[in-house]
Amino acid sequence: MEDEARNVYREVKDRHVLRTADVYQTEIEDGVAGYSDTLLAVVANFRNGGAPEGFNAQSMVGKSKRGEVALRLFAVVDPDTETFVRAGFKARGCLAVTGCASVVCSLLEGRTLEEALTITTDDVKRALDGVPVDKSYTLHFAVEAIRALVGDYLAHQGATLQELDARVPCDALGVSCVMCEHCSFRSTRIDLRLAEA
């Protein structure tokens, strides 16, 4: 049987769909039940879609077990102060992942790398007035995407694996890490480990 949620060529009746250059909704939504008014307002009015010009850091996290859900972050980091100047996103999946991605971009701007690493799932959840219970994984994706973004920036600045471990410790058995089937920072760490071998 064909998976209607993943068939991009077929319009599904009564489907709420976002399709822009930066957001592609793949999951069939049952209306907007369970979504807070704040989350829906963020999705309807996001201003930080796409990669900002001159970005020097990027990350991607996601899963593909029950349809593809992915969150990509892009940022311009000031190398002198290690502060996020601008951030943008691309999202694929549900309304919750779009809301989380947009809020994370807003939370990042003006923060240092270390301050960004203190952003928690509770911070994202609070900024959105919650996400539906069955979409709570999107909060974990948002936090892992921040960690991967910081790690990507540092790796491109020449950080060694030991330096990355010190500044962006990897909790391979942490909930957020386990939730992410795909993580660009995990791939970066593997590449660095192979280069050292």
Protein backbone atom coordinates (compact mmCIF):
# COMPACT_ATOMS: atom_id res chain seq x y z
CA MET A 1 0.00 0.00 0.00
CA GLU A 2 1.23 3.46 -0.87
CA ASP A 3 2.27 5.76 2.00
CA GLU A 4 0.24 8.93 1.42
CA ALA A 5 2.35 10.96 3.82
CA ARG A 6 5.51 10.40 1.77
CA ASN A 7 4.01 10.67 -1.72
CA VAL A 8 4.89 14.21 -2.75
CA TYR A 9 3.08 13.92 -6.08
CA ARG A 10 -0.35 13.11 -4.79
CA GLU A 11 -2.57 15.59 -3.00
CA VAL A 12 -4.26 14.06 0.01
CA LYS A 13 -7.79 15.28 0.72
CA ASP A 14 -8.15 17.49 3.79
CA ARG A 15 -4.41 17.60 4.37
CA HIS A 16 -2.83 20.63 5.99
CA VAL A 17 0.40 21.03 4.05
CA LEU A 18 3.23 23.52 4.14
CA ARG A 19 5.41 23.55 1.07
CA THR A 20 7.92 26.34 0.78
CA ALA A 21 11.57 26.41 -0.17
CA ASP A 22 12.47 25.84 3.48
CA VAL A 23 9.59 23.85 4.96
CA TYR A 24 8.10 20.68 3.60
CA GLN A 25 5.41 19.00 5.63
CA THR A 26 5.40 15.26 5.05
CA GLU A 27 3.28 13.97 7.90
CA ILE A 28 -0.49 13.83 7.58
CA GLU A 29 -1.89 16.01 10.33
CA ASP A 30 -5.22 15.42 11.99
CA GLY A 31 -6.12 19.09 11.82
CA VAL A 32 -4.28 21.08 14.44
CA ALA A 33 -5.54 19.24 17.52
CA GLY A 34 -3.01 19.35 20.34
CA TYR A 35 -1.00 22.25 18.90
CA SER A 36 -0.78 25.40 21.00
CA ASP A 37 -1.84 28.72 19.52
CA THR A 38 1.73 29.91 20.05
CA LEU A 39 3.21 27.02 18.04
CA LEU A 40 0.70 27.57 15.23
CA ALA A 41 1.51 31.31 15.19
CA VAL A 42 5.24 30.55 14.98
CA VAL A 43 4.65 28.18 12.05
CA ALA A 44 2.37 30.67 10.28
CA ASN A 45 4.78 33.58 10.69
CA PHE A 46 8.30 32.14 10.72
CA ARG A 47 10.85 34.69 9.53
CA ASN A 48 14.02 32.66 9.68
CA GLY A 49 13.57 30.05 6.99
CA GLY A 50 16.52 29.13 4.81
CA ALA A 51 20.26 29.53 5.11
CA PRO A 52 21.37 33.08 5.95
CA GLU A 53 23.86 34.59 3.55
CA GLY A 54 27.43 33.88 4.58
CA PHE A 55 26.57 31.06 6.98
CA ASN A 56 29.63 29.38 8.47
CA ALA A 57 27.95 26.60 10.45
CA GLN A 58 25.28 24.04 9.62
CA SER A 59 23.76 20.92 11.10
CA MET A 60 21.17 18.26 10.35
CA VAL A 61 19.30 15.85 12.58
CA GLY A 62 16.38 13.57 11.87
CA LYS A 63 14.84 10.17 11.55
CA SER A 64 13.19 8.13 8.85
CA LYS A 65 11.52 5.25 10.67
CA ARG A 66 7.95 6.59 10.44
CA GLY A 67 8.32 8.93 7.50
CA GLU A 68 11.11 11.40 7.06
CA VAL A 69 11.49 14.11 9.67
CA ALA A 70 14.52 16.35 9.44
CA LEU A 71 15.67 19.64 10.85
CA ARG A 72 18.58 21.59 9.39
CA LEU A 73 20.08 24.64 11.05
CA PHE A 74 22.36 27.22 9.47
CA ALA A 75 24.11 30.07 11.26
CA VAL A 76 26.45 32.96 10.88
CA VAL A 77 28.83 32.90 13.84
CA ASP A 78 31.08 35.87 14.61
CA PRO A 79 34.55 34.27 14.91
CA ASP A 80 35.85 37.04 17.18
CA THR A 81 33.17 36.61 19.85
CA GLU A 82 31.89 33.11 18.97
CA THR A 83 28.39 34.60 19.01
CA PHE A 84 25.48 33.63 16.77
CA VAL A 85 24.66 36.60 14.56
CA ARG A 86 21.92 35.05 12.39
CA ALA A 87 20.33 31.64 12.20
CA GLY A 88 18.02 29.96 9.72
CA PHE A 89 16.44 26.56 9.16
CA LYS A 90 14.98 24.07 6.76
CA ALA A 91 12.51 21.49 8.04
CA ARG A 92 10.79 18.40 6.72
CA GLY A 93 8.10 16.61 8.65
CA CYS A 94 5.32 18.00 10.82
CA LEU A 95 4.21 21.38 12.11
CA ALA A 96 5.99 20.74 15.42
CA VAL A 97 9.41 20.32 13.80
CA THR A 98 8.89 23.59 11.91
CA GLY A 99 7.89 25.38 15.11
CA CYS A 100 10.85 23.98 17.04
CA ALA A 101 13.29 24.91 14.28
CA SER A 102 12.03 28.49 14.05
CA VAL A 103 12.06 29.02 17.82
CA VAL A 104 15.57 27.58 18.12
CA CYS A 105 16.82 30.06 15.51
CA SER A 106 15.35 32.92 17.53
CA LEU A 107 16.84 31.56 20.76
CA LEU A 108 20.31 31.24 19.18
CA GLU A 109 20.71 34.77 17.84
CA GLY A 110 22.86 36.87 20.15
CA ARG A 111 24.09 33.91 22.23
CA THR A 112 27.64 32.62 22.46
CA LEU A 113 28.42 29.02 21.59
CA GLU A 114 28.52 28.11 25.28
CA GLU A 115 25.21 29.87 25.96
CA ALA A 116 23.62 28.06 23.03
CA LEU A 117 24.62 24.71 24.51
CA THR A 118 22.58 25.52 27.63
CA ILE A 119 19.30 25.62 25.65
CA THR A 120 17.14 22.70 26.76
CA THR A 121 14.08 20.88 25.49
CA ASP A 122 12.15 22.66 28.26
CA ASP A 123 13.26 26.06 26.88
CA VAL A 124 12.00 25.16 23.40
CA LYS A 125 8.79 23.68 24.78
CA ARG A 126 8.16 26.77 26.92
CA ALA A 127 8.76 29.11 23.94
CA LEU A 128 6.10 27.21 21.96
CA ASP A 129 3.66 26.72 24.85
CA GLY A 130 4.16 23.01 24.31
CA VAL A 131 4.04 20.51 21.48
CA PRO A 132 1.62 17.57 21.10
CA VAL A 133 2.71 14.58 23.18
CA ASP A 134 3.25 12.42 20.10
CA LYS A 135 5.56 15.11 18.65
CA SER A 136 7.84 15.48 21.69
CA TYR A 137 10.75 14.02 19.71
CA THR A 138 10.89 17.33 17.80
CA LEU A 139 12.06 19.05 21.00
CA HIS A 140 14.97 16.61 21.21
CA PHE A 141 15.79 17.16 17.53
CA ALA A 142 15.96 20.90 18.15
CA VAL A 143 18.44 20.53 21.02
CA GLU A 144 20.60 18.03 19.14
CA ALA A 145 20.61 20.32 16.10
CA ILE A 146 22.02 23.11 18.29
CA ARG A 147 24.77 20.81 19.58
CA ALA A 148 25.56 19.70 16.03
CA LEU A 149 25.62 23.33 14.85
CA VAL A 150 28.13 24.32 17.53
CA GLY A 151 30.19 21.20 16.78
CA ASP A 152 30.18 21.92 13.05
CA TYR A 153 31.39 25.46 13.61
CA LEU A 154 34.20 24.35 15.91
CA ALA A 155 35.25 21.51 13.57
CA HIS A 156 35.48 23.96 10.67
CA GLN A 157 37.61 26.22 12.86
CA GLY A 158 40.08 23.33 13.21
CA ALA A 159 39.02 21.85 16.55
CA THR A 160 40.36 18.37 17.20
CA LEU A 161 38.19 15.53 18.44
CA GLN A 162 39.55 16.08 21.96
CA GLU A 163 38.67 19.79 21.79
CA LEU A 164 35.17 18.94 20.54
CA ASP A 165 34.76 16.44 23.37
CA ALA A 166 35.71 19.14 25.86
CA ARG A 167 33.44 21.87 24.47
CA VAL A 168 30.53 19.81 23.11
CA PRO A 169 30.59 16.55 25.08
CA CYS A 170 28.78 13.71 23.39
CA ASP A 171 26.22 11.87 25.46
CA ALA A 172 25.71 8.93 23.10
CA LEU A 173 23.19 7.34 25.46
CA GLY A 174 21.31 10.58 26.20
CA VAL A 175 17.67 10.76 25.13
CA SER A 176 18.22 13.48 22.54
CA CYS A 177 21.11 11.63 20.91
CA VAL A 178 19.25 8.32 20.89
CA MET A 179 16.15 9.96 19.37
CA CYS A 180 18.15 11.21 16.39
CA GLU A 181 18.63 8.47 13.87
CA HIS A 182 20.66 10.86 11.71
CA CYS A 183 23.01 13.47 13.15
CA SER A 184 25.58 15.48 11.22
CA PHE A 185 27.70 15.97 14.35
CA ARG A 186 27.88 12.20 14.91
CA SER A 187 29.17 11.91 11.32
CA THR A 188 31.74 14.68 11.95
CA ARG A 189 33.00 12.89 15.06
CA ILE A 190 33.33 9.62 13.13
CA ASP A 191 35.24 11.36 10.33
CA LEU A 192 37.64 12.94 12.83
CA ARG A 193 38.14 9.63 14.64
CA LEU A 194 38.93 7.90 11.33
CA ALA A 195 41.37 10.67 10.38
CA GLU A 196 43.21 10.17 13.67
CA ALA A 197 43.43 6.38 13.24
